[in-house]
N, C-alpha and C. Protein backbone atom coordinates (compact mmCIF):
# COMPACT_ATOMS: atom_id res chain seq x y z
N MET A 1 0.77 -1.11 0.22
CA MET A 1 0.21 -0.34 -0.12
C MET A 1 1.00 1.28 0.25
N PRO A 2 0.49 2.21 -0.90
CA PRO A 2 1.64 3.34 -0.65
C PRO A 2 1.62 4.31 0.49
N VAL A 3 2.76 4.84 0.72
CA VAL A 3 2.63 5.44 1.95
C VAL A 3 1.64 6.73 2.18
N PHE A 4 1.30 7.15 0.93
CA PHE A 4 0.35 8.68 1.21
C PHE A 4 -0.86 7.91 1.00
N VAL A 5 -1.40 6.74 1.11
CA VAL A 5 -2.73 6.38 1.04
C VAL A 5 -2.85 6.19 2.68
N LEU A 6 -1.71 5.20 3.01
CA LEU A 6 -2.08 5.04 4.67
C LEU A 6 -1.18 6.42 5.41
N THR A 7 -0.74 7.10 5.25
CA THR A 7 -1.47 8.43 5.64
C THR A 7 -2.26 9.22 5.57
N LEU A 8 -2.64 9.17 4.78
CA LEU A 8 -4.00 9.93 4.88
C LEU A 8 -5.29 9.20 5.49
N ALA A 9 -5.41 7.73 5.88
CA ALA A 9 -6.18 7.34 6.40
C ALA A 9 -5.33 7.24 8.00
N TYR A 10 -4.45 7.35 8.21
CA TYR A 10 -4.18 7.94 9.45
C TYR A 10 -4.30 9.47 9.89
N THR A 11 -4.71 10.39 8.95
CA THR A 11 -4.72 11.24 9.28
C THR A 11 -6.31 11.91 9.59
N LEU A 12 -7.45 11.41 8.26
CA LEU A 12 -8.38 10.80 8.61
C LEU A 12 -9.44 10.42 9.52
N HIS A 13 -8.41 9.34 10.32
CA HIS A 13 -8.81 8.74 11.11
C HIS A 13 -8.83 8.91 12.59
N LEU A 14 -7.63 9.91 12.60
CA LEU A 14 -7.17 10.50 13.82
C LEU A 14 -8.48 12.02 14.14
N LEU A 15 -8.88 12.31 12.51
CA LEU A 15 -9.84 13.76 12.86
C LEU A 15 -10.68 13.04 13.19
N ALA A 16 -11.74 11.72 12.51
CA ALA A 16 -12.33 11.49 12.90
C ALA A 16 -13.00 11.20 15.05
N THR A 17 -11.38 10.23 15.17
CA THR A 17 -12.01 10.14 16.30
C THR A 17 -11.77 11.30 16.99
N VAL A 18 -11.01 12.75 16.54
CA VAL A 18 -11.45 13.61 17.48
C VAL A 18 -12.47 14.37 17.81
N VAL A 19 -13.08 14.67 16.47
CA VAL A 19 -14.46 14.89 16.08
C VAL A 19 -15.82 13.88 17.23
N LEU A 20 -15.83 13.03 16.88
CA LEU A 20 -16.35 11.67 17.46
C LEU A 20 -16.60 12.23 18.98
N VAL A 21 -15.46 11.42 19.47
CA VAL A 21 -15.10 11.12 21.04
C VAL A 21 -15.01 12.52 21.68
N GLY A 22 -14.56 13.49 20.99
CA GLY A 22 -14.35 14.77 21.48
C GLY A 22 -15.97 15.19 21.55
N GLY A 23 -16.86 14.90 20.70
CA GLY A 23 -18.06 15.93 20.68
C GLY A 23 -18.96 14.65 21.78
N LEU A 24 -18.62 13.96 22.00
CA LEU A 24 -19.33 13.05 22.87
C LEU A 24 -18.97 13.68 23.87
N PHE A 25 -17.60 13.91 24.50
CA PHE A 25 -16.72 14.64 25.92
C PHE A 25 -17.86 15.90 25.82
N VAL A 26 -17.67 16.46 25.00
CA VAL A 26 -18.74 17.85 25.75
C VAL A 26 -19.85 17.63 26.28
N LEU A 27 -20.79 17.11 25.14
CA LEU A 27 -21.95 16.87 25.46
C LEU A 27 -22.15 16.32 26.98
N SER A 28 -20.78 15.07 27.19
CA SER A 28 -21.98 14.21 27.90
C SER A 28 -21.05 15.01 29.14
N VAL A 29 -19.96 15.30 29.21
CA VAL A 29 -19.51 15.41 30.55
C VAL A 29 -19.20 17.24 30.86
N LEU A 30 -19.61 18.13 29.74
CA LEU A 30 -19.00 19.14 29.89
C LEU A 30 -21.25 19.92 30.05
N TRP A 31 -21.26 19.51 29.06
CA TRP A 31 -22.53 20.59 28.33
C TRP A 31 -23.61 19.99 29.25
N LEU A 32 -24.27 18.65 29.22
CA LEU A 32 -24.98 18.28 30.10
C LEU A 32 -25.57 18.38 31.18
N PRO A 33 -24.08 18.25 32.01
CA PRO A 33 -24.50 18.62 33.70
C PRO A 33 -24.50 20.11 33.96
N ALA A 34 -24.08 21.35 32.73
CA ALA A 34 -24.20 22.58 32.86
C ALA A 34 -25.54 23.01 32.63
N ALA A 35 -25.77 22.42 31.54
CA ALA A 35 -27.66 22.32 31.42
C ALA A 35 -28.43 22.01 32.26
N SER A 36 -27.77 21.36 32.90
CA SER A 36 -29.00 20.33 33.89
C SER A 36 -29.10 21.57 35.20
N ARG A 37 -28.00 22.11 35.44
CA ARG A 37 -28.03 23.07 36.62
C ARG A 37 -28.75 24.32 36.29
N THR A 38 -28.52 24.83 35.07
CA THR A 38 -28.82 25.99 34.73
C THR A 38 -30.11 26.20 33.79
N LEU A 39 -30.27 25.81 33.17
CA LEU A 39 -31.59 25.67 32.21
C LEU A 39 -32.54 25.11 32.86
N ALA A 40 -34.05 25.88 32.14
CA ALA A 40 -35.06 25.00 32.93
C ALA A 40 -35.03 23.52 31.74
N PRO A 41 -36.12 22.60 32.34
CA PRO A 41 -36.24 21.35 31.48
C PRO A 41 -36.04 21.54 30.07
N ARG A 42 -37.13 22.58 29.63
CA ARG A 42 -37.82 22.79 28.70
C ARG A 42 -36.78 23.39 27.76
N ASP A 43 -36.08 24.42 28.26
CA ASP A 43 -34.79 24.87 27.36
C ASP A 43 -33.61 24.04 27.16
N GLN A 44 -33.45 22.67 28.30
CA GLN A 44 -32.76 22.10 27.80
C GLN A 44 -33.10 21.06 26.74
N ALA A 45 -34.15 20.63 26.74
CA ALA A 45 -34.37 19.92 25.47
C ALA A 45 -34.55 21.13 24.33
N ALA A 46 -34.86 21.97 24.38
CA ALA A 46 -34.31 22.58 23.09
C ALA A 46 -33.45 22.73 22.93
N LEU A 47 -32.62 22.89 23.46
CA LEU A 47 -30.94 23.35 23.33
C LEU A 47 -30.34 21.71 22.77
N LEU A 48 -30.93 21.09 23.76
CA LEU A 48 -30.45 19.86 22.95
C LEU A 48 -30.51 19.02 21.83
N ARG A 49 -31.69 19.71 21.26
CA ARG A 49 -32.48 19.23 19.98
C ARG A 49 -31.68 20.16 19.34
N ALA A 50 -31.38 21.43 19.27
CA ALA A 50 -30.50 22.12 18.22
C ALA A 50 -29.00 21.48 18.16
N ILE A 51 -28.21 20.88 19.39
CA ILE A 51 -27.10 20.37 19.52
C ILE A 51 -26.76 19.76 18.48
N LEU A 52 -27.77 18.10 19.05
CA LEU A 52 -28.22 17.20 17.90
C LEU A 52 -28.31 17.57 16.51
N ARG A 53 -29.08 18.22 16.33
CA ARG A 53 -29.64 18.45 14.59
C ARG A 53 -27.78 19.04 14.01
N ARG A 54 -26.96 19.72 14.84
CA ARG A 54 -25.56 19.90 14.13
C ARG A 54 -24.30 18.45 14.50
N PHE A 55 -24.60 17.79 15.96
CA PHE A 55 -23.73 17.24 16.09
C PHE A 55 -23.93 15.71 14.86
N GLN A 56 -24.95 15.22 14.92
CA GLN A 56 -25.34 14.00 14.43
C GLN A 56 -24.95 14.23 12.96
N PRO A 57 -24.80 14.81 12.05
CA PRO A 57 -24.09 13.84 10.62
C PRO A 57 -22.99 14.66 10.88
N LEU A 58 -22.45 15.25 11.98
CA LEU A 58 -20.96 15.52 11.96
C LEU A 58 -20.39 13.69 12.48
N ALA A 59 -21.03 13.59 13.48
CA ALA A 59 -20.82 11.99 14.39
C ALA A 59 -21.13 10.87 12.85
N TRP A 60 -21.87 10.67 12.28
CA TRP A 60 -22.19 9.86 11.38
C TRP A 60 -21.34 9.81 10.34
N LEU A 61 -20.40 11.17 10.16
CA LEU A 61 -19.82 10.68 8.78
C LEU A 61 -18.18 10.61 9.69
N SER A 62 -17.85 11.01 11.23
CA SER A 62 -16.75 10.52 11.51
C SER A 62 -16.83 8.55 11.79
N ILE A 63 -18.46 8.35 11.71
CA ILE A 63 -18.40 6.84 12.14
C ILE A 63 -18.21 6.04 10.94
N ALA A 64 -18.54 7.18 9.73
CA ALA A 64 -18.21 5.77 8.27
C ALA A 64 -16.72 6.48 8.04
N LEU A 65 -15.82 7.65 8.07
CA LEU A 65 -14.38 7.71 8.15
C LEU A 65 -13.79 6.40 9.36
N LEU A 66 -14.25 5.90 10.05
CA LEU A 66 -13.50 5.45 11.35
C LEU A 66 -13.43 4.07 10.61
N ALA A 67 -14.69 3.82 9.63
CA ALA A 67 -14.73 2.12 9.26
C ALA A 67 -13.75 2.05 8.21
N ALA A 68 -13.95 2.97 7.72
CA ALA A 68 -13.21 3.14 6.53
C ALA A 68 -11.72 3.06 6.42
N THR A 69 -11.90 4.40 7.24
CA THR A 69 -9.99 3.83 7.21
C THR A 69 -9.52 3.20 8.34
N GLY A 70 -10.13 2.81 9.09
CA GLY A 70 -9.71 1.84 10.22
C GLY A 70 -9.10 0.23 9.83
N LEU A 71 -10.10 -0.18 8.67
CA LEU A 71 -10.39 -1.28 7.88
C LEU A 71 -8.90 -1.09 6.90
N THR A 72 -8.41 0.29 6.66
CA THR A 72 -7.37 0.28 5.76
C THR A 72 -6.12 0.22 6.36
N GLN A 73 -6.48 0.49 7.16
CA GLN A 73 -4.80 0.64 8.46
C GLN A 73 -4.69 -0.78 8.80
N MET A 74 -5.94 -1.46 9.19
CA MET A 74 -5.65 -3.03 9.77
C MET A 74 -5.34 -3.77 8.43
N ALA A 75 -5.52 -3.46 6.96
CA ALA A 75 -5.20 -4.43 6.31
C ALA A 75 -3.65 -4.62 6.09
N ALA A 76 -3.43 -3.21 6.20
CA ALA A 76 -1.98 -2.87 6.21
C ALA A 76 -1.26 -3.32 6.89
N ASN A 77 -1.48 -3.52 8.18
CA ASN A 77 -0.65 -4.13 9.42
C ASN A 77 0.26 -5.58 9.79
N PRO A 78 1.35 -5.48 9.68
CA PRO A 78 1.96 -6.96 9.20
C PRO A 78 1.17 -8.20 10.47
N ASN A 79 0.42 -7.71 11.31
CA ASN A 79 0.03 -8.02 12.96
C ASN A 79 -1.23 -9.05 12.00
N TYR A 80 -2.41 -8.32 11.08
CA TYR A 80 -3.37 -8.78 10.85
C TYR A 80 -3.06 -9.96 9.76
N GLN A 81 -3.46 -11.29 10.30
CA GLN A 81 -3.83 -12.51 10.20
C GLN A 81 -4.99 -13.16 8.86
N GLY A 82 -5.96 -12.19 8.90
CA GLY A 82 -7.02 -12.44 8.08
C GLY A 82 -8.41 -12.29 9.15
N PHE A 83 -9.62 -12.66 8.25
CA PHE A 83 -10.78 -11.90 9.59
C PHE A 83 -11.53 -13.09 10.78
N LEU A 84 -11.37 -12.75 12.19
CA LEU A 84 -11.85 -13.22 12.46
C LEU A 84 -10.38 -14.61 13.05
N ALA A 85 -9.00 -14.03 12.97
CA ALA A 85 -8.06 -14.82 13.15
C ALA A 85 -7.59 -13.68 14.01
N LEU A 86 -7.55 -14.67 15.54
CA LEU A 86 -7.38 -14.41 17.04
C LEU A 86 -6.16 -14.62 17.38
N GLU A 87 -4.86 -14.84 16.60
CA GLU A 87 -3.77 -15.58 16.57
C GLU A 87 -2.42 -14.77 17.54
N ASN A 88 -2.77 -13.02 18.03
CA ASN A 88 -2.15 -12.40 18.65
C ASN A 88 -3.00 -11.69 19.60
N ARG A 89 -2.15 -11.42 20.21
CA ARG A 89 -2.81 -10.22 21.00
C ARG A 89 -3.09 -8.65 20.82
N TRP A 90 -2.68 -8.26 19.59
CA TRP A 90 -3.51 -7.13 18.42
C TRP A 90 -4.53 -7.87 17.77
N SER A 91 -4.74 -8.72 17.53
CA SER A 91 -5.93 -9.02 16.79
C SER A 91 -7.18 -9.17 17.81
N VAL A 92 -6.96 -10.28 19.15
CA VAL A 92 -8.33 -9.77 20.01
C VAL A 92 -8.34 -8.29 20.42
N ALA A 93 -7.37 -7.70 20.98
CA ALA A 93 -7.25 -6.34 21.03
C ALA A 93 -8.35 -5.79 19.87
N MET A 94 -7.81 -5.98 18.67
CA MET A 94 -8.92 -5.67 17.36
C MET A 94 -10.19 -5.70 17.39
N PHE A 95 -10.35 -7.12 17.65
CA PHE A 95 -11.79 -7.69 17.75
C PHE A 95 -12.31 -7.31 18.75
N THR A 96 -11.97 -7.09 19.52
CA THR A 96 -13.06 -6.22 21.00
C THR A 96 -13.07 -5.00 20.55
N LYS A 97 -12.24 -4.22 19.77
CA LYS A 97 -12.10 -2.51 19.50
C LYS A 97 -13.91 -2.73 18.51
N HIS A 98 -13.29 -3.72 17.75
CA HIS A 98 -14.46 -3.72 16.59
C HIS A 98 -15.64 -3.64 17.12
N ALA A 99 -15.79 -4.91 17.86
CA ALA A 99 -17.40 -5.36 18.86
C ALA A 99 -17.55 -3.82 19.42
N ALA A 100 -16.45 -3.49 20.12
CA ALA A 100 -17.06 -2.20 21.09
C ALA A 100 -17.87 -1.13 20.20
N PHE A 101 -17.19 -1.19 19.22
CA PHE A 101 -17.52 0.24 18.02
C PHE A 101 -18.65 -0.24 17.46
N ALA A 102 -18.84 -1.35 17.27
CA ALA A 102 -20.52 -2.38 16.30
C ALA A 102 -21.30 -1.69 17.53
N GLY A 103 -21.06 -1.84 19.13
CA GLY A 103 -22.19 -1.16 20.00
C GLY A 103 -22.29 0.30 19.56
N MET A 104 -21.53 0.96 19.50
CA MET A 104 -21.56 2.13 19.81
C MET A 104 -22.01 2.56 18.19
N VAL A 105 -21.69 2.04 17.23
CA VAL A 105 -22.97 3.00 16.34
C VAL A 105 -24.57 2.03 16.27
N ALA A 106 -24.31 1.07 17.04
CA ALA A 106 -25.94 0.09 17.33
C ALA A 106 -26.34 1.63 18.27
N LEU A 107 -25.58 2.03 19.20
CA LEU A 107 -26.22 3.11 19.98
C LEU A 107 -26.90 4.39 19.02
N ALA A 108 -25.59 4.80 18.42
CA ALA A 108 -26.43 5.78 18.00
C ALA A 108 -26.86 6.03 16.98
N GLY A 109 -27.79 4.73 16.10
CA GLY A 109 -28.55 4.58 15.11
C GLY A 109 -29.75 4.97 16.28
N TYR A 110 -29.61 4.05 17.74
CA TYR A 110 -31.09 4.07 17.91
C TYR A 110 -30.67 5.62 18.61
N GLN A 111 -30.00 6.59 18.93
CA GLN A 111 -30.52 7.71 19.32
C GLN A 111 -31.00 8.59 18.25
N THR A 112 -30.67 7.92 17.41
CA THR A 112 -30.54 9.05 15.63
C THR A 112 -32.22 8.69 15.43
N TRP A 113 -32.35 7.46 15.20
CA TRP A 113 -33.63 7.22 14.71
C TRP A 113 -35.01 6.66 15.42
N VAL A 114 -34.48 6.56 17.17
CA VAL A 114 -35.41 6.83 18.06
C VAL A 114 -35.66 7.70 18.84
N ILE A 115 -34.68 7.83 19.96
CA ILE A 115 -34.74 9.00 20.56
C ILE A 115 -35.10 10.41 19.89
N THR A 116 -34.27 10.46 19.19
CA THR A 116 -34.15 12.40 18.85
C THR A 116 -35.66 12.26 17.96
N PRO A 117 -36.07 11.71 17.07
CA PRO A 117 -37.66 11.97 16.77
C PRO A 117 -38.78 11.99 17.61
N ALA A 118 -38.72 11.02 19.05
CA ALA A 118 -39.29 11.09 20.22
C ALA A 118 -39.36 12.70 20.88
N LEU A 119 -37.74 13.70 21.10
CA LEU A 119 -37.73 14.46 21.40
C LEU A 119 -38.49 16.04 20.09
N GLU A 120 -38.04 15.29 19.45
CA GLU A 120 -38.60 16.40 18.78
C GLU A 120 -40.65 16.34 18.34
N ARG A 121 -41.14 14.82 18.26
CA ARG A 121 -42.43 14.90 19.08
C ARG A 121 -43.07 15.74 19.97
N GLN A 122 -42.41 15.68 21.00
CA GLN A 122 -42.08 16.13 22.21
C GLN A 122 -42.11 17.29 22.03
N ALA A 123 -41.04 17.87 21.14
CA ALA A 123 -41.33 19.51 21.17
C ALA A 123 -42.33 20.54 20.58
N LEU A 124 -42.68 19.37 18.91
CA LEU A 124 -44.22 19.47 18.80
C LEU A 124 -45.57 19.85 19.87
N GLN A 125 -45.35 18.94 20.37
CA GLN A 125 -46.83 18.66 21.57
C GLN A 125 -46.50 20.01 22.30
N GLN A 126 -45.28 20.41 22.98
CA GLN A 126 -45.23 21.47 23.75
C GLN A 126 -45.74 22.65 22.99
N SER A 127 -45.48 22.63 21.78
CA SER A 127 -45.58 23.55 21.14
C SER A 127 -46.96 24.23 20.61
N ALA A 128 -47.83 22.88 20.41
CA ALA A 128 -49.27 23.00 20.06
C ALA A 128 -49.97 23.20 21.02
N VAL A 129 -49.90 22.01 22.39
CA VAL A 129 -50.79 22.28 23.35
C VAL A 129 -50.10 22.45 24.41
N GLY A 130 -48.92 23.05 24.51
CA GLY A 130 -48.11 23.61 25.95
C GLY A 130 -48.40 22.17 26.94
N GLU A 131 -48.69 21.48 26.21
CA GLU A 131 -48.40 19.59 27.27
C GLU A 131 -46.97 19.60 27.19
N PRO A 132 -46.42 19.25 28.93
CA PRO A 132 -45.34 19.16 29.00
C PRO A 132 -44.37 17.87 28.48
N GLY A 133 -43.16 17.73 27.65
CA GLY A 133 -42.68 15.82 27.56
C GLY A 133 -42.51 15.36 28.67
N ASP A 134 -41.99 13.90 27.90
CA ASP A 134 -41.75 12.88 28.95
C ASP A 134 -40.30 13.27 29.48
N PRO A 135 -40.09 13.74 30.62
CA PRO A 135 -38.95 13.60 31.20
C PRO A 135 -38.01 12.60 30.93
N ALA A 136 -38.58 11.50 30.82
CA ALA A 136 -37.59 10.29 30.67
C ALA A 136 -37.16 10.05 28.92
N VAL A 137 -37.55 10.80 28.02
CA VAL A 137 -36.71 10.61 26.39
C VAL A 137 -35.51 11.52 26.74
N SER A 138 -35.38 12.88 27.01
CA SER A 138 -34.12 13.37 27.26
C SER A 138 -33.40 12.82 28.39
N SER A 139 -33.96 12.46 29.30
CA SER A 139 -33.00 10.95 30.06
C SER A 139 -32.28 10.55 29.83
N SER A 140 -33.09 9.51 29.15
CA SER A 140 -32.21 8.69 27.92
C SER A 140 -31.36 8.93 26.74
N GLN A 141 -31.46 10.24 26.52
CA GLN A 141 -30.58 10.47 25.47
C GLN A 141 -29.85 11.24 26.09
N SER A 142 -29.34 11.60 27.34
CA SER A 142 -28.66 11.81 27.85
C SER A 142 -27.72 10.63 28.56
N ARG A 143 -28.30 9.54 28.81
CA ARG A 143 -27.69 8.75 29.67
C ARG A 143 -26.83 7.75 28.43
N LEU A 144 -27.61 7.85 27.16
CA LEU A 144 -26.55 6.93 26.03
C LEU A 144 -25.63 7.98 25.53
N LEU A 145 -25.99 9.08 25.25
CA LEU A 145 -25.01 10.21 25.06
C LEU A 145 -23.76 9.60 26.28
N ARG A 146 -23.95 9.63 27.38
CA ARG A 146 -23.17 9.03 28.12
C ARG A 146 -22.20 7.86 28.31
N LEU A 147 -23.09 7.20 28.09
CA LEU A 147 -22.84 5.53 27.63
C LEU A 147 -22.02 5.31 25.97
N ASN A 148 -22.33 6.43 25.19
CA ASN A 148 -21.32 6.43 23.89
C ASN A 148 -20.07 6.34 24.17
N PHE A 149 -19.87 7.78 24.76
CA PHE A 149 -18.76 8.32 25.42
C PHE A 149 -17.49 7.21 26.43
N TRP A 150 -18.17 6.94 27.04
CA TRP A 150 -17.67 6.03 27.66
C TRP A 150 -16.87 4.88 27.16
N ILE A 151 -17.79 4.30 26.00
CA ILE A 151 -17.65 3.36 24.66
C ILE A 151 -16.40 3.85 24.43
N GLY A 152 -16.70 4.66 23.55
CA GLY A 152 -15.32 5.40 23.20
C GLY A 152 -14.07 5.20 23.86
N LEU A 153 -14.00 6.25 24.97
CA LEU A 153 -13.25 5.93 25.83
C LEU A 153 -12.29 4.24 25.92
N VAL A 154 -13.39 3.41 26.15
CA VAL A 154 -12.67 1.74 25.65
C VAL A 154 -12.13 1.77 24.57
N ILE A 155 -12.27 2.34 23.54
CA ILE A 155 -11.89 1.84 22.14
C ILE A 155 -10.46 2.57 22.05
N LEU A 156 -10.41 3.84 22.64
CA LEU A 156 -9.45 4.45 22.82
C LEU A 156 -8.39 3.58 23.60
N GLY A 157 -8.42 3.24 24.66
CA GLY A 157 -7.92 2.26 25.69
C GLY A 157 -7.15 0.95 24.96
N LEU A 158 -8.18 0.19 23.91
CA LEU A 158 -8.29 -1.00 22.81
C LEU A 158 -7.09 -0.51 22.27
N THR A 159 -7.32 0.67 21.60
CA THR A 159 -5.94 1.35 20.39
C THR A 159 -5.01 1.39 21.28
N ALA A 160 -5.06 1.57 22.15
CA ALA A 160 -3.14 1.72 23.00
C ALA A 160 -2.71 0.19 23.17
N ILE A 161 -3.72 -0.99 23.56
CA ILE A 161 -3.49 -1.94 23.73
C ILE A 161 -2.78 -3.17 22.07
N ALA A 162 -4.12 -2.22 21.21
CA ALA A 162 -3.16 -3.37 19.54
C ALA A 162 -2.03 -2.44 19.31
N ARG A 163 -1.56 -1.21 19.98
CA ARG A 163 -0.34 -0.35 19.60
C ARG A 163 0.87 -1.14 20.23
N THR A 164 1.07 -1.37 21.24
CA THR A 164 2.00 -1.89 22.46
C THR A 164 1.90 -3.54 22.27
N ALA A 165 1.52 -4.22 21.17
CA ALA A 165 1.71 -5.72 21.14
C ALA A 165 2.36 -5.79 19.65
């Protein structure tokens, strides 16, 4: 594989990691706790919806880049012995990392296509009839954002294990 292709793959992979894990960090560790202490629940929900409208497309682009560039890097790694060949510490770390990544993608899909539309429906109900929304939906979104952030940290740890193998 040409060096420039691998260099580009590493660069895009790192950039996508920063966007995804960094965005999850800002949302789950900085924004959610601060918003819960300073904003009314209705305002929290409105701001969260606005932030997610901007963040989710970036998160999905990052996920796609991580998958494509990760496979490129893996194919170029001398430790790679083939699909599901768990012959060494590197391959076990990579398999576990990919399983965690699949879980992260599944949670992101649930957030994007189930929780976020529920938040949007609540916003419409609130504006139409003044009816308060179910706080459990916002709470679910917050918990899933935090969980995805922690999974991201686990993936970074597994990457470190693979690098030292």
